C-alpha atoms as a PDB file:
ATOM      1  CA  MET A   1      23.396  88.553  19.989  1.00  0.00           C
ATOM      2  CA  GLN A   2      20.358  90.611  19.141  1.00  0.00           C
ATOM      3  CA  PHE A   3      17.075  89.139  17.906  1.00  0.00           C
ATOM      4  CA  MET A   4      13.587  90.705  17.932  1.00  0.00           C
ATOM      5  CA  HIS A   5      14.699  93.608  20.175  1.00  0.00           C
ATOM      6  CA  SER A   6      15.960  91.204  22.809  1.00  0.00           C
ATOM      7  CA  MET A   7      19.483  90.443  23.948  1.00  0.00           C
ATOM      8  CA  SER A   8      20.990  87.266  25.329  1.00  0.00           C
ATOM      9  CA  LEU A   9      24.184  87.189  27.416  1.00  0.00           C
ATOM     10  CA  TYR A  10      25.810  83.816  28.112  1.00  0.00           C
ATOM     11  CA  LEU A  11      27.957  83.800  31.259  1.00  0.00           C
ATOM     12  CA  ALA A  12      28.300  80.056  31.702  1.00  0.00           C
ATOM     13  CA  GLY A  13      31.886  78.846  31.975  1.00  0.00           C
ATOM     14  CA  ASN A  14      33.238  82.347  32.747  1.00  0.00           C
ATOM     15  CA  ALA A  15      34.333  82.116  36.345  1.00  0.00           C
ATOM     16  CA  PHE A  16      34.818  85.462  38.097  1.00  0.00           C
ATOM     17  CA  LYS A  17      35.822  86.549  41.574  1.00  0.00           C
ATOM     18  CA  CYS A  18      33.299  86.650  44.362  1.00  0.00           C
ATOM     19  CA  SER A  19      34.924  89.560  46.153  1.00  0.00           C
ATOM     20  CA  CYS A  20      34.075  92.923  47.657  1.00  0.00           C
ATOM     21  CA  ASN A  21      34.365  94.464  44.219  1.00  0.00           C
ATOM     22  CA  ASN A  22      31.582  92.242  42.838  1.00  0.00           C
ATOM     23  CA  ILE A  23      29.073  92.094  45.696  1.00  0.00           C
ATOM     24  CA  ASP A  24      26.645  94.271  43.752  1.00  0.00           C
ATOM     25  CA  LEU A  25      26.759  91.797  40.859  1.00  0.00           C
ATOM     26  CA  ILE A  26      26.166  88.851  43.207  1.00  0.00           C
ATOM     27  CA  ARG A  27      23.106  90.601  44.671  1.00  0.00           C
ATOM     28  CA  TRP A  28      21.838  91.485  41.203  1.00  0.00           C
ATOM     29  CA  LEU A  29      22.102  87.890  39.978  1.00  0.00           C
ATOM     30  CA  ARG A  30      19.727  86.824  42.788  1.00  0.00           C
ATOM     31  CA  THR A  31      17.303  89.749  42.745  1.00  0.00           C
ATOM     32  CA  THR A  32      17.026  90.704  39.071  1.00  0.00           C
ATOM     33  CA  ASP A  33      13.916  90.113  36.963  1.00  0.00           C
ATOM     34  CA  VAL A  34      16.079  89.330  33.991  1.00  0.00           C
ATOM     35  CA  MET A  35      15.741  85.757  32.845  1.00  0.00           C
ATOM     36  CA  LEU A  36      19.046  83.933  33.264  1.00  0.00           C
ATOM     37  CA  GLU A  37      19.949  80.626  31.631  1.00  0.00           C
ATOM     38  CA  ILE A  38      21.117  79.270  34.986  1.00  0.00           C
ATOM     39  CA  CYS A  39      20.602  80.412  38.546  1.00  0.00           C
ATOM     40  CA  SER A  40      24.191  80.191  39.628  1.00  0.00           C
ATOM     41  CA  TYR A  41      27.623  80.887  38.152  1.00  0.00           C
ATOM     42  CA  ASN A  42      31.036  79.706  39.136  1.00  0.00           C
ATOM     43  CA  CYS A  43      33.275  82.115  41.013  1.00  0.00           C
ATOM     44  CA  VAL A  44      36.470  82.160  43.033  1.00  0.00           C
ATOM     45  CA  LEU A  45      36.331  83.262  46.653  1.00  0.00           C
ATOM     46  CA  PRO A  46      38.905  85.633  48.179  1.00  0.00           C
ATOM     47  CA  ASN A  47      40.621  82.665  49.905  1.00  0.00           C
ATOM     48  CA  GLY A  48      41.198  81.033  46.485  1.00  0.00           C
ATOM     49  CA  SER A  49      38.583  78.291  46.745  1.00  0.00           C
ATOM     50  CA  ASN A  50      36.033  77.650  44.017  1.00  0.00           C
ATOM     51  CA  SER A  51      32.364  78.371  44.687  1.00  0.00           C
ATOM     52  CA  ASN A  52      29.328  79.768  42.927  1.00  0.00           C
ATOM     53  CA  THR A  53      27.245  82.902  43.112  1.00  0.00           C
ATOM     54  CA  LEU A  54      24.316  81.131  44.791  1.00  0.00           C
ATOM     55  CA  ASP A  55      26.423  79.858  47.693  1.00  0.00           C
ATOM     56  CA  ALA A  56      28.143  83.207  47.897  1.00  0.00           C
ATOM     57  CA  TYR A  57      24.799  84.988  48.134  1.00  0.00           C
ATOM     58  CA  ASN A  58      23.471  82.601  50.776  1.00  0.00           C
ATOM     59  CA  SER A  59      26.667  83.001  52.829  1.00  0.00           C
ATOM     60  CA  PHE A  60      26.851  86.721  52.199  1.00  0.00           C
ATOM     61  CA  PRO A  61      27.236  87.896  55.840  1.00  0.00           C
ATOM     62  CA  ASP A  62      30.053  85.425  56.492  1.00  0.00           C
ATOM     63  CA  LEU A  63      31.947  85.882  53.261  1.00  0.00           C
ATOM     64  CA  PHE A  64      31.701  89.639  52.848  1.00  0.00           C
ATOM     65  CA  ALA A  65      31.411  91.040  56.347  1.00  0.00           C
ATOM     66  CA  TYR A  66      34.968  92.368  56.108  1.00  0.00           C
ATOM     67  CA  CYS A  67      34.052  94.453  53.040  1.00  0.00           C
ATOM     68  CA  GLU A  68      32.094  96.936  55.108  1.00  0.00           C
ATOM     69  CA  SER A  69      34.877  97.016  57.695  1.00  0.00           C
ATOM     70  CA  SER A  70      37.427  97.762  54.977  1.00  0.00           C
ATOM     71  CA  MET A  71      35.222 100.520  53.649  1.00  0.00           C
ATOM     72  CA  TRP A  72      34.884 102.146  57.062  1.00  0.00           C
ATOM     73  CA  LEU A  73      38.605 101.698  57.676  1.00  0.00           C
ATOM     74  CA  THR A  74      39.311 103.519  54.427  1.00  0.00           C
ATOM     75  CA  VAL A  75      36.880 106.287  55.354  1.00  0.00           C
ATOM     76  CA  ALA A  76      38.328 106.581  58.855  1.00  0.00           C
ATOM     77  CA  THR A  77      41.900 106.665  57.528  1.00  0.00           C
ATOM     78  CA  THR A  78      40.975 109.324  55.001  1.00  0.00           C
ATOM     79  CA  LEU A  79      39.230 111.462  57.633  1.00  0.00           C
ATOM     80  CA  LEU A  80      42.118 111.026  60.078  1.00  0.00           C
ATOM     81  CA  SER A  81      44.684 111.970  57.461  1.00  0.00           C
ATOM     82  CA  THR A  82      42.622 114.978  56.404  1.00  0.00           C
ATOM     83  CA  GLY A  83      42.224 116.103  60.016  1.00  0.00           C
ATOM     84  CA  PHE A  84      45.931 115.665  60.651  1.00  0.00           C
ATOM     85  CA  ILE A  85      46.839 117.717  57.595  1.00  0.00           C
ATOM     86  CA  ILE A  86      44.375 120.451  58.569  1.00  0.00           C
ATOM     87  CA  ALA A  87      45.819 120.521  62.104  1.00  0.00           C
ATOM     88  CA  ILE A  88      49.345 120.857  60.733  1.00  0.00           C
ATOM     89  CA  LEU A  89      48.252 123.655  58.388  1.00  0.00           C
ATOM     90  CA  LEU A  90      46.580 125.498  61.277  1.00  0.00           C
ATOM     91  CA  VAL A  91      49.703 125.198  63.410  1.00  0.00           C
ATOM     92  CA  LEU A  92      51.869 126.396  60.524  1.00  0.00           C
ATOM     93  CA  TYR A  93      49.526 129.321  59.934  1.00  0.00           C
ATOM     94  CA  ASN A  94      49.491 130.349  63.595  1.00  0.00           C
ATOM     95  CA  LYS A  95      53.286 130.055  63.832  1.00  0.00           C
ATOM     96  CA  ARG A  96      53.948 131.420  60.360  1.00  0.00           C
ATOM     97  CA  TRP A  97      55.953 134.490  61.423  1.00  0.00           C
ATOM     98  CA  LYS A  98      58.066 132.542  63.875  1.00  0.00           C
ATOM     99  CA  ILE A  99      58.743 129.937  61.206  1.00  0.00           C
ATOM    100  CA  ILE A 100      59.591 132.613  58.638  1.00  0.00           C
ATOM    101  CA  PHE A 101      62.004 134.358  61.011  1.00  0.00           C
ATOM    102  CA  THR A 102      63.583 131.038  61.990  1.00  0.00           C
ATOM    103  CA  LEU A 103      64.067 130.022  58.371  1.00  0.00           C
ATOM    104  CA  GLN A 104      65.420 133.456  57.557  1.00  0.00           C
ATOM    105  CA  GLY A 105      67.919 133.131  60.384  1.00  0.00           C
ATOM    106  CA  ILE A 106      68.991 129.691  59.173  1.00  0.00           C
ATOM    107  CA  ILE A 107      69.369 130.952  55.618  1.00  0.00           C
ATOM    108  CA  ASN A 108      71.337 133.993  56.766  1.00  0.00           C
ATOM    109  CA  CYS A 109      73.657 131.793  58.816  1.00  0.00           C
ATOM    110  CA  ALA A 110      74.134 129.441  55.876  1.00  0.00           C
ATOM    111  CA  VAL A 111      74.878 132.325  53.520  1.00  0.00           C
ATOM    112  CA  GLU A 112      77.194 133.910  56.057  1.00  0.00           C
ATOM    113  CA  GLN A 113      79.100 130.652  56.464  1.00  0.00           C
ATOM    114  CA  LYS A 114      79.274 130.251  52.709  1.00  0.00           C
ATOM    115  CA  ILE A 115      80.706 133.697  52.081  1.00  0.00           C
ATOM    116  CA  LYS A 116      82.860 133.632  55.168  1.00  0.00           C
ATOM    117  CA  ARG A 117      86.506 133.737  54.215  1.00  0.00           C
ATOM    118  CA  GLN A 118      89.847 134.524  55.697  1.00  0.00           C
ATOM    119  CA  TYR A 119      91.661 137.568  54.343  1.00  0.00           C
ATOM    120  CA  THR A 120      95.424 137.988  54.294  1.00  0.00           C
ATOM    121  CA  TYR A 121      95.086 141.742  54.791  1.00  0.00           C
ATOM    122  CA  ASP A 122      92.502 143.954  56.428  1.00  0.00           C
ATOM    123  CA  MET A 123      93.129 146.651  53.834  1.00  0.00           C
ATOM    124  CA  TYR A 124      95.103 147.472  50.734  1.00  0.00           C
ATOM    125  CA  ILE A 125      96.528 150.995  50.459  1.00  0.00           C
ATOM    126  CA  SER A 126      96.592 152.650  47.046  1.00  0.00           C
ATOM    127  CA  TYR A 127      98.671 155.844  46.865  1.00  0.00           C
ATOM    128  CA  GLU A 128     100.950 157.846  44.609  1.00  0.00           C
ATOM    129  CA  GLY A 129     103.553 160.555  45.097  1.00  0.00           C
ATOM    130  CA  ASN A 130     105.311 161.627  48.279  1.00  0.00           C
ATOM    131  CA  VAL A 131     102.583 160.514  50.701  1.00  0.00           C
ATOM    132  CA  VAL A 132     104.534 157.431  51.815  1.00  0.00           C
ATOM    133  CA  TYR A 133     105.915 159.195  54.889  1.00  0.00           C
ATOM    134  CA  TRP A 134     102.436 160.297  56.019  1.00  0.00           C
ATOM    135  CA  ILE A 135     101.092 156.791  55.509  1.00  0.00           C
ATOM    136  CA  LYS A 136     103.914 155.306  57.568  1.00  0.00           C
ATOM    137  CA  GLU A 137     103.790 157.848  60.381  1.00  0.00           C
ATOM    138  CA  THR A 138     100.020 158.371  60.555  1.00  0.00           C
ATOM    139  CA  LEU A 139      98.055 155.482  59.056  1.00  0.00           C
ATOM    140  CA  VAL A 140     100.381 152.607  59.869  1.00  0.00           C
ATOM    141  CA  SER A 141     100.985 153.737  63.429  1.00  0.00           C
ATOM    142  CA  LYS A 142      97.250 154.091  64.049  1.00  0.00           C
ATOM    143  CA  LEU A 143      95.763 151.203  62.063  1.00  0.00           C
ATOM    144  CA  GLU A 144      98.440 148.617  62.733  1.00  0.00           C
ATOM    145  CA  GLY A 145     100.046 149.946  65.898  1.00  0.00           C
ATOM    146  CA  GLU A 146      96.902 150.809  67.873  1.00  0.00           C
ATOM    147  CA  TRP A 147      94.036 148.972  66.178  1.00  0.00           C
ATOM    148  CA  GLY A 148      95.951 145.795  65.323  1.00  0.00           C
ATOM    149  CA  LEU A 149      94.864 145.725  61.679  1.00  0.00           C
ATOM    150  CA  ASN A 150      96.997 144.298  58.889  1.00  0.00           C
ATOM    151  CA  MET A 151      97.779 146.653  56.019  1.00  0.00           C
ATOM    152  CA  CYS A 152      99.181 145.863  52.584  1.00  0.00           C
ATOM    153  CA  ILE A 153     101.696 148.473  51.390  1.00  0.00           C
ATOM    154  CA  ARG A 154     103.353 147.696  48.101  1.00  0.00           C
ATOM    155  CA  GLU A 155     106.897 148.819  49.021  1.00  0.00           C
ATOM    156  CA  ARG A 156     106.787 146.619  52.094  1.00  0.00           C
ATOM    157  CA  ASP A 157     104.550 143.638  51.278  1.00  0.00           C
ATOM    158  CA  PHE A 158     104.834 142.903  47.567  1.00  0.00           C
ATOM    159  CA  LEU A 159     106.695 139.680  46.776  1.00  0.00           C
ATOM    160  CA  ALA A 160     109.848 139.772  44.699  1.00  0.00           C
ATOM    161  CA  GLY A 161     109.994 137.835  41.447  1.00  0.00           C
ATOM    162  CA  ILE A 162     106.309 138.442  40.632  1.00  0.00           C
ATOM    163  CA  SER A 163     105.050 141.058  38.189  1.00  0.00           C
ATOM    164  CA  HIS A 164     103.726 144.279  39.658  1.00  0.00           C
ATOM    165  CA  ALA A 165     100.243 143.694  38.189  1.00  0.00           C
ATOM    166  CA  ASP A 166     100.057 140.160  39.632  1.00  0.00           C
ATOM    167  CA  ASN A 167     101.146 141.477  43.028  1.00  0.00           C
ATOM    168  CA  GLU A 168      98.475 144.172  42.942  1.00  0.00           C
ATOM    169  CA  ALA A 169      95.719 141.802  41.776  1.00  0.00           C
ATOM    170  CA  GLU A 170      96.522 139.181  44.426  1.00  0.00           C
ATOM    171  CA  ALA A 171      96.906 141.760  47.214  1.00  0.00           C
ATOM    172  CA  ILE A 172      93.546 143.423  46.445  1.00  0.00           C
ATOM    173  CA  LYS A 173      91.868 140.022  46.197  1.00  0.00           C
ATOM    174  CA  GLU A 174      93.249 139.055  49.627  1.00  0.00           C
ATOM    175  CA  SER A 175      92.221 142.353  51.245  1.00  0.00           C
ATOM    176  CA  ARG A 176      88.934 142.926  53.010  1.00  0.00           C
ATOM    177  CA  CYS A 177      88.990 146.672  52.305  1.00  0.00           C
ATOM    178  CA  ILE A 178      90.851 149.100  50.084  1.00  0.00           C
ATOM    179  CA  ILE A 179      91.809 152.689  50.850  1.00  0.00           C
ATOM    180  CA  PHE A 180      92.675 155.080  48.036  1.00  0.00           C
ATOM    181  CA  VAL A 181      94.782 157.892  49.495  1.00  0.00           C
ATOM    182  CA  ILE A 182      94.267 160.775  47.066  1.00  0.00           C
ATOM    183  CA  THR A 183      96.733 163.638  47.274  1.00  0.00           C
ATOM    184  CA  PRO A 184      97.779 166.354  44.800  1.00  0.00           C
ATOM    185  CA  GLY A 185     100.519 163.960  43.670  1.00  0.00           C
ATOM    186  CA  TYR A 186      98.076 161.157  42.858  1.00  0.00           C
ATOM    187  CA  THR A 187      98.230 160.568  39.134  1.00  0.00           C
ATOM    188  CA  LEU A 188      96.343 157.999  37.106  1.00  0.00           C
ATOM    189  CA  SER A 189      99.301 155.919  36.052  1.00  0.00           C
ATOM    190  CA  PRO A 190      98.576 152.478  34.553  1.00  0.00           C
ATOM    191  CA  ASP A 191      99.173 150.920  37.994  1.00  0.00           C
ATOM    192  CA  ARG A 192      96.678 153.200  39.741  1.00  0.00           C
ATOM    193  CA  THR A 193      94.096 152.698  36.983  1.00  0.00           C
ATOM    194  CA  PHE A 194      94.578 148.954  37.338  1.00  0.00           C
ATOM    195  CA  GLU A 195      93.956 149.218  41.095  1.00  0.00           C
ATOM    196  CA  ILE A 196      90.664 151.061  40.498  1.00  0.00           C
ATOM    197  CA  ASP A 197      89.541 148.489  37.928  1.00  0.00           C
ATOM    198  CA  ARG A 198      90.573 145.635  40.192  1.00  0.00           C
ATOM    199  CA  ALA A 199      88.717 147.133  43.136  1.00  0.00           C
ATOM    200  CA  GLU A 200      85.570 147.363  41.008  1.00  0.00           C
ATOM    201  CA  TYR A 201      86.017 143.750  39.889  1.00  0.00           C
ATOM    202  CA  GLU A 202      86.507 142.368  43.417  1.00  0.00           C
ATOM    203  CA  ARG A 203      83.643 144.503  44.763  1.00  0.00           C
ATOM    204  CA  ASN A 204      81.276 143.130  42.122  1.00  0.00           C
ATOM    205  CA  ARG A 205      82.341 139.614  43.095  1.00  0.00           C
ATOM    206  CA  SER A 206      81.580 140.433  46.756  1.00  0.00           C
ATOM    207  CA  ASN A 207      85.201 139.779  47.762  1.00  0.00           C
ATOM    208  CA  LEU A 208      85.833 143.394  48.723  1.00  0.00           C
ATOM    209  CA  GLU A 209      83.697 144.647  51.590  1.00  0.00           C
ATOM    210  CA  THR A 210      84.620 148.330  51.813  1.00  0.00           C
ATOM    211  CA  VAL A 211      86.044 150.878  49.380  1.00  0.00           C
ATOM    212  CA  ILE A 212      87.294 154.104  50.973  1.00  0.00           C
ATOM    213  CA  VAL A 213      88.597 157.204  49.264  1.00  0.00           C
ATOM    214  CA  LEU A 214      90.662 159.338  51.650  1.00  0.00           C
ATOM    215  CA  THR A 215      91.424 162.784  50.266  1.00  0.00           C
ATOM    216  CA  LYS A 216      94.330 164.728  51.745  1.00  0.00           C
ATOM    217  CA  ASP A 217      95.156 168.306  50.777  1.00  0.00           C
ATOM    218  CA  ILE A 218      92.951 168.040  47.706  1.00  0.00           C
ATOM    219  CA  LYS A 219      89.422 169.118  46.787  1.00  0.00           C
ATOM    220  CA  ILE A 220      86.781 166.531  46.010  1.00  0.00           C
ATOM    221  CA  THR A 221      86.337 168.089  42.567  1.00  0.00           C
ATOM    222  CA  ASP A 222      89.979 167.309  41.826  1.00  0.00           C
ATOM    223  CA  VAL A 223      89.597 163.586  42.464  1.00  0.00           C
ATOM    224  CA  PRO A 224      90.404 161.717  39.206  1.00  0.00           C
ATOM    225  CA  ARG A 225      87.306 161.014  37.141  1.00  0.00           C
ATOM    226  CA  ASN A 226      88.098 157.292  36.925  1.00  0.00           C
ATOM    227  CA  PHE A 227      86.733 156.954  40.454  1.00  0.00           C
ATOM    228  CA  SER A 228      83.256 157.690  39.093  1.00  0.00           C
ATOM    229  CA  TYR A 229      83.038 154.007  38.078  1.00  0.00           C
ATOM    230  CA  ILE A 230      83.109 152.913  41.728  1.00  0.00           C
ATOM    231  CA  TRP A 231      81.685 156.051  43.347  1.00  0.00           C
ATOM    232  CA  ASN A 232      78.325 154.437  44.158  1.00  0.00           C
ATOM    233  CA  TYR A 233      79.874 152.262  46.865  1.00  0.00           C
ATOM    234  CA  VAL A 234      82.766 154.509  47.913  1.00  0.00           C
ATOM    235  CA  TYR A 235      82.979 155.997  51.410  1.00  0.00           C
ATOM    236  CA  LEU A 236      84.654 159.382  51.291  1.00  0.00           C
ATOM    237  CA  ILE A 237      86.853 160.639  54.112  1.00  0.00           C
ATOM    238  CA  GLU A 238      88.274 164.159  53.881  1.00  0.00           C
ATOM    239  CA  TRP A 239      91.527 164.672  55.747  1.00  0.00           C
ATOM    240  CA  ALA A 240      92.941 168.120  56.449  1.00  0.00           C
ATOM    241  CA  ASP A 241      96.009 169.303  58.337  1.00  0.00           C
ATOM    242  CA  ASP A 242      94.605 172.495  59.853  1.00  0.00           C
ATOM    243  CA  GLU A 243      93.684 173.515  63.366  1.00  0.00           C
ATOM    244  CA  GLN A 244      89.922 173.195  62.794  1.00  0.00           C
ATOM    245  CA  PHE A 245      90.228 169.611  61.585  1.00  0.00           C
ATOM    246  CA  ASN A 246      88.589 167.118  63.971  1.00  0.00           C
ATOM    247  CA  SER A 247      90.863 164.099  63.606  1.00  0.00           C
ATOM    248  CA  ASP A 248      89.128 162.177  66.408  1.00  0.00           C
ATOM    249  CA  ALA A 249      85.843 162.101  64.492  1.00  0.00           C
ATOM    250  CA  ILE A 250      87.624 160.995  61.321  1.00  0.00           C
ATOM    251  CA  TRP A 251      89.482 158.232  63.154  1.00  0.00           C
ATOM    252  CA  GLU A 252      86.203 157.047  64.668  1.00  0.00           C
ATOM    253  CA  GLU A 253      84.500 156.975  61.272  1.00  0.00           C
ATOM    254  CA  LEU A 254      87.443 155.158  59.732  1.00  0.00           C
ATOM    255  CA  LYS A 255      87.494 152.632  62.556  1.00  0.00           C
ATOM    256  CA  LEU A 256      83.812 151.887  62.084  1.00  0.00           C
ATOM    257  CA  LEU A 257      84.347 151.232  58.395  1.00  0.00           C
ATOM    258  CA  LEU A 258      87.407 149.051  58.899  1.00  0.00           C
ATOM    259  CA  THR A 259      86.146 146.961  61.809  1.00  0.00           C
ATOM    260  CA  PRO A 260      85.464 143.430  60.522  1.00  0.00           C
ATOM    261  CA  ARG A 261      81.810 142.411  60.011  1.00  0.00           C
ATOM    262  CA  ARG A 262      80.448 145.809  60.971  1.00  0.00           C
ATOM    263  CA  PHE A 263      80.391 147.229  57.487  1.00  0.00           C
ATOM    264  CA  TYR A 264      76.763 146.538  56.709  1.00  0.00           C
ATOM    265  CA  LYS A 265      75.583 147.871  60.067  1.00  0.00           C
ATOM    266  CA  THR A 266      77.719 151.017  60.031  1.00  0.00           C
ATOM    267  CA  ALA A 267      77.183 151.902  56.391  1.00  0.00           C
ATOM    268  CA  ALA A 268      73.604 153.055  56.871  1.00  0.00           C
ATOM    269  CA  LEU A 269      74.566 154.827  60.099  1.00  0.00           C
ATOM    270  CA  LEU A 270      77.332 156.843  58.450  1.00  0.00           C
ATOM    271  CA  LYS A 271      75.170 157.778  55.504  1.00  0.00           C
ATOM    272  CA  GLN A 272      72.343 158.872  57.780  1.00  0.00           C
ATOM    273  CA  THR A 273      74.799 160.930  59.852  1.00  0.00           C
ATOM    274  CA  ARG A 274      76.043 162.709  56.764  1.00  0.00           C
ATOM    275  CA  LEU A 275      72.497 163.409  55.603  1.00  0.00           C
ATOM    276  CA  ASN A 276      71.659 164.867  59.011  1.00  0.00           C
ATOM    277  CA  GLU A 277      74.746 167.079  58.899  1.00  0.00           C
ATOM    278  CA  LYS A 278      73.764 168.363  55.459  1.00  0.00           C
ATOM    279  CA  GLY A 279      70.251 169.007  56.693  1.00  0.00           C
ATOM    280  CA  HIS A 280      71.549 171.208  59.511  1.00  0.00           C
END
């Protein structure tokens, strides 16, 4: 209520809490120059008992001693927490590279376990024409007989009662690598085109690790143009049946490419070797 530039505030009958939150008000009620209608107001102590502001002020050290302790406890807790966080951040900063490498190793292991799978075949052989005898006498005897790899050859491994396309799709899907044996008799029949498309599909899905094109008695320029769709991740091996042909080096290169879980390490090595040879 306002009258003649003065204001009156009636607090009688409005009990409030005499707690740490109101200690400034309790002090003010006893020290202010403002004229109050009464010198003391009812309040409720922290223990739940009824009292008044005058008694609370007179017993201030006893009633509110814990307020200062609580304040310092809060300050100490805040400082301790801040110091602890700063210490952790300093340790993390000093060990940042070790932590990064450790996390990277964990992530790599997790990814490796996730993509780890068991293949039915180590490689699928795509061929056409009269190269079957050479595959049987040369590739099979070396890759299966000596190296212990498992090859998928359609005349030998395709299941009866299933369509040719389904056999090819399932065999390529279950093969870790694929080798296209390109000879003068290699023609782009619908089956061979399907094998190229399927190899591209499985490679994009990360199911197929290695794609190899092995040319035999044919120039690279005569390789069917459909291989251009997968040429970016093809490893080319040129086979020749002449006296100057170094078969040992070719077998070594082929073995590196076909050895499980060495593809990513050997890929860069083989490419660098080829670049060095071109440079010389």
